[in-house]
């Protein structure tokens, strides 16, 4: 969308009424849609809103149509500025939007009441998890035969979410562009996700984000899905765009989870694990649900991944009908001796555990500034002089073990040496 004309309103509308819907010019920027609306009554930085004069307008959702009368639903909207000059206007930005694939009459916007029956999930990294044979090249002495075809779909997961049956199919295909003189053919893969009962957009976005996490754990990449195709129960289709996720295209990953022949089984295991993370447990999985966050401090990363290990140990002990164990790191140091040796050499396990647990308690109660670590934290019998390298080693150890324990919780075994070679 570049200098595209349309109309905009605060609420969905079925037909254009120029007294209600306002003329808008839409431009797509690198990280947002920018909309210039010729109005300062409905769309103004300050004005009447919810019967409160002077309240800053931060409407979350606006509705419009583009130049071809396709319905637009704009999310994460903010009114950045208003101009009261000879041609009054306001500038609006949106980082997430949905556009209908057809010009419908009456106009049918996607809303929070739209019932979704199926989605198509796109992520460039899918093709690295599920290699495609959709393109084959055969060479002879004086000729080359290129064959491109859509492969038969595969079911890669059947599961339930809140009593709703979900089926995920893998579609391997291809895309092409150019001409016979400059032809570009690329393999393409995407996931088709069907619901037995209709769902809302919040559920779709949750599932999409959880699949993002599954792909990250497969490849240790940081890319997220940027687009979805959404099908409602009335067979209308819409394209969902999250501009905020428009990162640079990633290179082919070096890390690959387990053997390729186990890719469908492992995808299903990880998807079921992440799909069923409850809201109350989402903090325990924070670094895996937010794997693409900006790099935080060593101290914060340490606490985030330590919380993961507290959770995974609790879950494992529940299965064994055992109570909480505050010294759980002893078992992990024994379970992963190669990682332990990498970061701590021949130090005794009980000393390492005591120091790391004391560090966790100190950070949680006294902040991050530390020169000497009291061990134990509250009734110290000794003090450890802290240096940056030791903090860095502790964080890397806890992070690597957190990844391995999440894989283990899903029922997947990963070689610890292989992981730490690729884990940043």
Protein backbone atom coordinates (compact mmCIF):
# COMPACT_ATOMS: atom_id res chain seq x y z
CA UNK A 1 0.00 0.00 0.00
CA UNK A 2 1.54 3.23 -1.19
CA UNK A 3 -0.51 6.45 -1.40
CA UNK A 4 -3.64 4.30 -1.50
CA UNK A 5 -6.97 6.04 -0.92
CA UNK A 6 -9.74 4.61 1.23
CA UNK A 7 -12.17 5.40 4.01
CA UNK A 8 -11.85 5.06 7.78
CA UNK A 9 -14.16 4.97 10.81
CA UNK A 10 -14.14 4.11 14.49
CA UNK A 11 -16.70 1.33 14.01
CA UNK A 12 -17.48 -1.27 11.33
CA UNK A 13 -19.71 -0.05 8.47
CA UNK A 14 -21.64 -1.80 5.70
CA UNK A 15 -21.59 1.01 3.11
CA UNK A 16 -19.86 4.34 2.55
CA UNK A 17 -21.44 7.46 4.01
CA UNK A 18 -19.01 10.34 3.56
CA UNK A 19 -20.47 12.17 6.54
CA UNK A 20 -19.52 9.23 8.75
CA UNK A 21 -16.53 7.55 7.09
CA UNK A 22 -13.52 9.79 6.51
CA UNK A 23 -11.20 9.85 3.51
CA UNK A 24 -7.78 8.37 4.29
CA UNK A 25 -4.45 7.93 2.49
CA UNK A 26 -2.56 4.77 3.46
CA UNK A 27 1.21 4.22 3.20
CA UNK A 28 3.12 1.15 4.31
CA UNK A 29 6.29 1.94 6.23
CA UNK A 30 8.98 -0.45 7.41
CA UNK A 31 7.37 -1.13 10.81
CA UNK A 32 3.82 0.22 10.51
CA UNK A 33 0.97 1.43 8.36
CA UNK A 34 0.75 5.22 8.31
CA UNK A 35 -2.69 6.67 7.65
CA UNK A 36 -3.42 10.32 6.91
CA UNK A 37 -7.11 10.88 7.58
CA UNK A 38 -8.77 14.12 6.50
CA UNK A 39 -10.60 14.69 9.76
CA UNK A 40 -9.99 16.17 13.21
CA UNK A 41 -13.39 15.49 14.73
CA UNK A 42 -13.44 11.69 15.01
CA UNK A 43 -9.71 11.31 14.60
CA UNK A 44 -7.92 13.85 16.75
CA UNK A 45 -5.06 13.65 19.23
CA UNK A 46 -7.33 15.37 21.73
CA UNK A 47 -11.09 15.59 21.64
CA UNK A 48 -14.34 14.12 22.83
CA UNK A 49 -13.89 10.45 23.56
CA UNK A 50 -15.94 8.35 25.97
CA UNK A 51 -17.61 11.61 27.05
CA UNK A 52 -14.33 12.91 28.46
CA UNK A 53 -13.05 16.14 26.97
CA UNK A 54 -9.29 16.27 26.54
CA UNK A 55 -8.71 12.52 26.95
CA UNK A 56 -5.85 11.19 24.81
CA UNK A 57 -7.35 8.95 22.14
CA UNK A 58 -5.77 5.50 21.99
CA UNK A 59 -8.44 3.51 20.17
CA UNK A 60 -7.13 0.01 19.67
CA UNK A 61 -9.08 -0.83 16.51
CA UNK A 62 -10.19 1.23 13.49
CA UNK A 63 -12.17 0.02 10.47
CA UNK A 64 -11.87 1.02 6.82
CA UNK A 65 -11.79 0.01 3.18
CA UNK A 66 -8.98 0.30 0.66
CA UNK A 67 -9.14 1.64 -2.91
CA UNK A 68 -10.59 -1.65 -4.20
CA UNK A 69 -13.29 -1.75 -1.49
CA UNK A 70 -11.64 -4.59 0.40
CA UNK A 71 -12.45 -4.28 4.14
CA UNK A 72 -9.65 -3.24 6.50
CA UNK A 73 -9.43 -3.84 10.23
CA UNK A 74 -6.55 -1.95 11.86
CA UNK A 75 -5.14 -3.00 15.24
CA UNK A 76 -2.70 -1.37 17.67
CA UNK A 77 -3.71 2.02 16.35
CA UNK A 78 -2.49 5.30 17.79
CA UNK A 79 -3.17 8.86 16.68
CA UNK A 80 0.27 10.40 16.46
CA UNK A 81 -0.59 13.98 15.55
CA UNK A 82 -3.38 16.31 14.45
CA UNK A 83 -3.04 19.36 12.22
CA UNK A 84 -5.58 22.20 12.38
CA UNK A 85 -4.34 24.06 9.28
CA UNK A 86 -6.29 24.88 6.11
CA UNK A 87 -6.64 21.16 5.30
CA UNK A 88 -7.12 19.60 8.75
CA UNK A 89 -5.93 16.01 9.18
CA UNK A 90 -4.60 13.48 11.65
CA UNK A 91 -1.77 10.97 11.30
CA UNK A 92 -2.51 7.44 12.56
CA UNK A 93 -0.20 4.45 12.80
CA UNK A 94 -1.04 0.75 12.98
CA UNK A 95 1.31 -2.20 13.44
CA UNK A 96 -1.17 -4.98 12.76
CA UNK A 97 -4.03 -5.20 10.27
CA UNK A 98 -6.43 -7.57 8.52
CA UNK A 99 -7.62 -7.06 4.94
CA UNK A 100 -10.41 -8.98 3.24
CA UNK A 101 -9.55 -10.95 0.11
CA UNK A 102 -12.78 -9.91 -1.64
CA UNK A 103 -14.75 -6.71 -2.11
CA UNK A 104 -17.96 -7.71 -0.32
CA UNK A 105 -21.34 -5.98 -0.52
CA UNK A 106 -22.41 -5.13 2.07
CA UNK A 107 -18.91 -4.40 3.41
CA UNK A 108 -17.99 -7.16 5.89
CA UNK A 109 -15.19 -6.22 8.27
CA UNK A 110 -13.29 -8.70 10.37
CA UNK A 111 -14.30 -8.02 14.00
CA UNK A 112 -13.90 -9.58 17.42
CA UNK A 113 -17.18 -11.40 16.72
CA UNK A 114 -15.90 -13.08 13.55
CA UNK A 115 -15.80 -16.84 13.99
CA UNK A 116 -12.72 -18.51 12.54
CA UNK A 117 -12.79 -22.03 11.15
CA UNK A 118 -9.35 -22.38 9.56
CA UNK A 119 -6.06 -20.51 9.21
CA UNK A 120 -2.94 -20.84 7.10
CA UNK A 121 0.30 -20.16 8.98
CA UNK A 122 3.33 -18.85 7.08
CA UNK A 123 6.91 -18.86 8.33
CA UNK A 124 9.97 -18.99 6.07
CA UNK A 125 11.68 -21.40 8.47
CA UNK A 126 9.12 -24.19 8.00
CA UNK A 127 10.95 -25.40 4.90
CA UNK A 128 14.06 -26.06 7.01
CA UNK A 129 12.14 -28.30 9.43
CA UNK A 130 10.23 -30.21 6.76
CA UNK A 131 12.42 -30.49 3.65
CA UNK A 132 10.45 -30.34 0.43
CA UNK A 133 10.78 -32.28 -2.80
CA UNK A 134 8.41 -29.90 -4.58
CA UNK A 135 11.23 -28.84 -6.92
CA UNK A 136 13.38 -31.39 -8.76
CA UNK A 137 16.17 -30.71 -11.23
CA UNK A 138 17.45 -33.29 -13.70
CA UNK A 139 20.50 -32.51 -15.80
CA UNK A 140 21.61 -34.14 -19.03
CA UNK A 141 24.43 -33.21 -21.36
CA UNK A 142 22.65 -30.47 -23.26
CA UNK A 143 19.47 -29.91 -21.29
CA UNK A 144 18.06 -29.30 -17.81
CA UNK A 145 14.58 -30.31 -16.72
CA UNK A 146 13.06 -28.44 -13.77
CA UNK A 147 9.86 -29.81 -12.30
CA UNK A 148 7.88 -27.90 -9.68
CA UNK A 149 4.70 -29.27 -8.14
CA UNK A 150 2.66 -29.06 -4.98
CA UNK A 151 3.17 -32.15 -2.83
CA UNK A 152 0.52 -34.15 -1.07
CA UNK A 153 -0.43 -32.62 2.27
CA UNK A 154 0.63 -34.34 5.51
CA UNK A 155 -1.07 -34.28 8.89
CA UNK A 156 1.63 -33.41 11.41
CA UNK A 157 -0.48 -32.93 14.54
CA UNK A 158 -3.89 -33.87 15.92
CA UNK A 159 -4.66 -32.45 19.32
CA UNK A 160 -7.27 -30.81 21.53
CA UNK A 161 -7.34 -27.31 22.99
CA UNK A 162 -10.17 -26.50 25.41
CA UNK A 163 -12.30 -29.36 24.01
CA UNK A 164 -11.71 -28.16 20.47
CA UNK A 165 -10.10 -30.58 18.04
CA UNK A 166 -7.21 -29.08 16.06
CA UNK A 167 -5.65 -30.63 12.96
CA UNK A 168 -2.42 -29.25 11.49
CA UNK A 169 -1.45 -30.14 7.93
CA UNK A 170 1.88 -29.48 6.25
CA UNK A 171 1.64 -28.15 2.70
CA UNK A 172 4.82 -28.26 0.59
CA UNK A 173 4.64 -26.21 -2.57
CA UNK A 174 6.69 -23.65 -4.50
CA UNK A 175 6.65 -20.02 -5.57
CA UNK A 176 7.93 -18.47 -8.78
CA UNK A 177 8.57 -15.04 -10.20
CA UNK A 178 10.23 -13.42 -13.21
CA UNK A 179 10.21 -14.49 -16.85
CA UNK A 180 11.75 -17.19 -18.98
CA UNK A 181 14.89 -15.05 -19.18
CA UNK A 182 15.13 -14.52 -15.42
CA UNK A 183 13.09 -17.20 -13.67
CA UNK A 184 13.18 -17.52 -9.87
CA UNK A 185 11.65 -20.68 -8.34
CA UNK A 186 11.69 -21.25 -4.58
CA UNK A 187 10.35 -24.10 -2.42
CA UNK A 188 7.59 -22.96 -0.10
CA UNK A 189 5.99 -24.60 2.91
CA UNK A 190 3.12 -23.57 5.14
CA UNK A 191 0.78 -25.02 7.75
CA UNK A 192 -2.99 -25.34 7.43
CA UNK A 193 -4.68 -25.37 10.85
CA UNK A 194 -8.34 -26.41 11.05
CA UNK A 195 -10.63 -26.18 14.10
CA UNK A 196 -13.55 -28.47 14.79
CA UNK A 197 -15.30 -25.58 16.59
CA UNK A 198 -14.89 -21.97 15.53
CA UNK A 199 -12.42 -19.80 17.46
CA UNK A 200 -11.69 -16.10 17.86
CA UNK A 201 -8.66 -14.06 16.84
CA UNK A 202 -7.08 -14.20 20.31
CA UNK A 203 -7.00 -18.00 20.13
CA UNK A 204 -5.54 -17.89 16.61
CA UNK A 205 -2.78 -15.49 17.66
CA UNK A 206 -1.98 -17.61 20.70
CA UNK A 207 -1.64 -20.73 18.55
CA UNK A 208 0.45 -18.86 15.98
CA UNK A 209 2.80 -17.57 18.68
CA UNK A 210 3.15 -21.04 20.19
CA UNK A 211 4.08 -22.46 16.77
CA UNK A 212 6.68 -19.69 16.51
CA UNK A 213 8.19 -21.04 19.75
CA UNK A 214 8.15 -24.61 18.43
CA UNK A 215 10.04 -23.54 15.30
CA UNK A 216 12.55 -21.65 17.46
CA UNK A 217 13.21 -24.79 19.50
CA UNK A 218 13.69 -26.79 16.30
CA UNK A 219 16.18 -24.41 14.69
CA UNK A 220 17.25 -21.82 17.32
CA UNK A 221 16.10 -19.09 14.93
CA UNK A 222 14.48 -15.83 16.03
CA UNK A 223 11.98 -15.24 13.21
CA UNK A 224 8.22 -15.15 13.79
CA UNK A 225 5.24 -15.56 11.51
CA UNK A 226 4.41 -12.30 9.74
CA UNK A 227 1.25 -13.38 7.93
CA UNK A 228 -1.79 -15.62 8.31
CA UNK A 229 -4.70 -16.36 6.01
CA UNK A 230 -7.92 -16.54 8.02
CA UNK A 231 -11.13 -18.29 6.91
CA UNK A 232 -14.36 -17.57 8.77
CA UNK A 233 -17.43 -19.80 9.10
CA UNK A 234 -19.11 -17.95 6.20
CA UNK A 235 -16.22 -18.89 3.87
CA UNK A 236 -14.88 -15.33 3.72
CA UNK A 237 -11.10 -15.11 3.78
CA UNK A 238 -8.82 -12.42 5.19
CA UNK A 239 -5.09 -11.74 5.22
CA UNK A 240 -3.57 -10.97 8.62
CA UNK A 241 -0.34 -8.93 8.70
CA UNK A 242 1.84 -8.24 11.72
CA UNK A 243 4.24 -5.56 10.50
CA UNK A 244 6.06 -5.54 13.83
CA UNK A 245 7.37 -9.03 13.00
CA UNK A 246 8.94 -7.91 9.72
CA UNK A 247 12.52 -8.81 10.58
CA UNK A 248 15.24 -9.44 8.05
CA UNK A 249 15.16 -12.86 6.42
CA UNK A 250 17.27 -15.31 8.36
CA UNK A 251 20.02 -17.46 6.95
CA UNK A 252 19.65 -21.22 6.76
CA UNK A 253 20.07 -22.44 10.37
CA UNK A 254 23.00 -24.56 11.50
CA UNK A 255 21.10 -26.23 14.35
CA UNK A 256 18.47 -28.89 13.74
CA UNK A 257 16.60 -30.66 16.50
CA UNK A 258 17.16 -34.44 16.53
CA UNK A 259 16.97 -36.64 13.40
CA UNK A 260 14.99 -35.46 10.39
CA UNK A 261 12.94 -38.65 10.32
CA UNK A 262 11.55 -37.62 13.74
CA UNK A 263 10.45 -34.14 12.61
CA UNK A 264 6.70 -34.80 12.59
CA UNK A 265 6.74 -36.62 15.95
CA UNK A 266 8.89 -33.94 17.56
CA UNK A 267 6.77 -31.11 16.16
CA UNK A 268 3.66 -32.74 17.61
CA UNK A 269 5.33 -33.19 21.03
CA UNK A 270 6.52 -29.59 21.24
CA UNK A 271 3.26 -28.17 19.92
CA UNK A 272 1.24 -30.06 22.53
CA UNK A 273 3.59 -28.90 25.28
CA UNK A 274 3.41 -25.23 24.33
CA UNK A 275 -0.26 -25.20 23.40
CA UNK A 276 -1.18 -26.36 26.88
CA UNK A 277 0.90 -23.82 28.81
CA UNK A 278 -1.63 -22.09 31.03
CA UNK A 279 -1.71 -18.34 31.61
CA UNK A 280 -0.50 -18.83 35.17
CA UNK A 281 2.49 -20.87 33.95
CA UNK A 282 3.37 -18.60 31.02
CA UNK A 283 5.87 -16.66 33.16
CA UNK A 284 7.76 -19.90 33.74
CA UNK A 285 8.19 -20.27 29.96
CA UNK A 286 8.79 -16.56 29.35
CA UNK A 287 12.18 -16.84 27.54
CA UNK A 288 10.75 -19.46 25.15
CA UNK A 289 7.48 -17.63 24.49
CA UNK A 290 9.45 -14.40 23.98
CA UNK A 291 12.55 -15.84 22.33
CA UNK A 292 12.82 -12.86 19.96
CA UNK A 293 12.94 -10.21 22.67
CA UNK A 294 15.81 -7.77 22.71
CA UNK A 295 18.82 -9.17 24.56
CA UNK A 296 18.45 -8.48 28.26
CA UNK A 297 21.14 -8.29 30.92
CA UNK A 298 23.01 -11.37 32.09
CA UNK A 299 21.28 -11.07 35.46
CA UNK A 300 17.76 -10.99 34.03
CA UNK A 301 18.44 -13.87 31.64
CA UNK A 302 19.79 -15.91 34.54
CA UNK A 303 16.61 -15.37 36.57
CA UNK A 304 14.35 -16.09 33.59
CA UNK A 305 15.98 -19.42 32.77
CA UNK A 306 16.30 -20.35 36.46
CA UNK A 307 12.52 -19.93 36.74
CA UNK A 308 12.13 -22.35 33.82
CA UNK A 309 14.15 -24.97 35.72
CA UNK A 310 12.12 -24.45 38.88
CA UNK A 311 9.00 -25.15 36.86
CA UNK A 312 10.29 -28.17 34.91
CA UNK A 313 11.62 -29.77 38.11
CA UNK A 314 8.27 -29.25 39.84
CA UNK A 315 6.43 -30.83 36.90
CA UNK A 316 8.77 -33.82 36.80
CA UNK A 317 8.42 -34.35 40.55
CA UNK A 318 4.62 -34.17 40.32
CA UNK A 319 4.69 -37.13 37.94
CA UNK A 320 6.71 -39.05 40.55
CA UNK A 321 4.43 -37.92 43.42
CA UNK A 322 7.34 -36.12 45.05
CA UNK A 323 7.41 -32.77 46.84
CA UNK A 324 9.37 -29.63 46.02
CA UNK A 325 13.16 -29.85 46.06
CA UNK A 326 15.08 -26.56 46.49
CA UNK A 327 18.37 -28.34 45.71
CA UNK A 328 17.18 -29.55 42.29
CA UNK A 329 20.34 -28.25 40.55
CA UNK A 330 22.34 -31.11 42.10
CA UNK A 331 20.41 -33.56 39.95
CA UNK A 332 20.86 -31.42 36.83
CA UNK A 333 24.61 -31.12 37.36
CA UNK A 334 24.75 -34.92 37.46
CA UNK A 335 22.38 -35.27 34.49
CA UNK A 336 24.43 -32.98 32.23
CA UNK A 337 28.09 -33.60 33.14
CA UNK A 338 29.47 -32.28 29.84
CA UNK A 339 27.84 -28.86 30.29
CA UNK A 340 28.90 -28.83 33.94
CA UNK A 341 32.52 -29.51 32.95
CA UNK A 342 32.39 -26.85 30.22
CA UNK A 343 31.53 -24.06 32.64
CA UNK A 344 32.71 -25.29 36.07
CA UNK A 345 35.42 -27.87 35.43
CA UNK A 346 36.02 -30.28 38.34
CA UNK A 347 34.29 -28.18 41.02
CA UNK A 348 32.09 -30.17 43.40
CA UNK A 349 28.41 -30.31 42.48
CA UNK A 350 27.17 -29.32 45.94
CA UNK A 351 29.39 -26.19 45.94
CA UNK A 352 28.18 -25.14 42.47
CA UNK A 353 24.54 -25.70 43.44
CA UNK A 354 24.88 -23.74 46.68
CA UNK A 355 26.52 -20.78 44.92
CA UNK A 356 23.98 -20.63 42.07
CA UNK A 357 21.01 -20.92 44.45
CA UNK A 358 22.50 -18.17 46.63
CA UNK A 359 22.93 -15.97 43.54
CA UNK A 360 19.29 -16.48 42.62
CA UNK A 361 18.14 -15.54 46.14
CA UNK A 362 20.45 -12.53 46.30
CA UNK A 363 19.20 -11.15 42.96
CA UNK A 364 15.58 -11.70 43.95
CA UNK A 365 15.87 -9.89 47.28
CA UNK A 366 18.80 -7.48 47.08
CA UNK A 367 19.11 -6.39 43.44
CA UNK A 368 21.79 -7.01 40.84
CA UNK A 369 24.76 -5.07 42.18
CA UNK A 370 27.10 -7.49 43.90
CA UNK A 371 30.82 -7.75 44.68
CA UNK A 372 30.78 -10.58 47.21
CA UNK A 373 28.06 -13.21 47.28
CA UNK A 374 26.89 -14.31 50.74
CA UNK A 375 26.43 -18.10 50.89
CA UNK A 376 23.78 -18.97 51.96
CA UNK A 377 22.11 -15.63 51.27
CA UNK A 378 20.42 -14.99 54.61
CA UNK A 379 22.73 -16.75 57.09
CA UNK A 380 26.09 -16.69 55.29
CA UNK A 381 28.88 -18.98 56.38
CA UNK A 382 31.17 -17.86 53.57
CA UNK A 383 31.47 -15.21 50.83
CA UNK A 384 32.36 -15.65 47.16
CA UNK A 385 34.10 -12.83 45.29
CA UNK A 386 32.16 -12.29 42.06
CA UNK A 387 33.64 -11.61 38.63
CA UNK A 388 31.96 -11.09 35.26
CA UNK A 389 33.20 -14.36 33.77
CA UNK A 390 31.68 -16.43 36.58
CA UNK A 391 28.32 -14.67 36.16
CA UNK A 392 28.48 -15.26 32.42
CA UNK A 393 29.30 -18.97 32.91
CA UNK A 394 26.46 -19.40 35.39
CA UNK A 395 23.98 -17.77 33.01
CA UNK A 396 25.14 -19.92 30.07
CA UNK A 397 24.94 -23.09 32.13
CA UNK A 398 21.42 -22.33 33.38
CA UNK A 399 20.26 -21.32 29.89
CA UNK A 400 21.59 -24.49 28.21
CA UNK A 401 20.09 -26.74 30.87
CA UNK A 402 16.75 -24.89 30.62
CA UNK A 403 16.59 -25.68 26.89
CA UNK A 404 17.45 -29.32 27.52
CA UNK A 405 14.85 -29.66 30.27
CA UNK A 406 12.13 -28.16 28.07
CA UNK A 407 13.02 -30.69 25.37
CA UNK A 408 12.97 -33.40 28.04
CA UNK A 409 9.55 -32.23 29.30
CA UNK A 410 8.27 -32.73 25.74
CA UNK A 411 9.84 -36.21 25.61
CA UNK A 412 12.72 -35.31 23.27
CA UNK A 413 16.38 -36.08 23.93
CA UNK A 414 19.03 -33.69 22.63
CA UNK A 415 22.80 -34.11 22.78
CA UNK A 416 24.10 -31.52 25.24
CA UNK A 417 27.38 -30.94 23.37
CA UNK A 418 25.52 -30.35 20.13
CA UNK A 419 23.20 -27.82 21.79
CA UNK A 420 25.84 -25.68 23.51
CA UNK A 421 27.83 -25.54 20.27
CA UNK A 422 24.96 -23.69 18.60
CA UNK A 423 23.19 -21.93 21.48
CA UNK A 424 24.05 -18.24 21.62
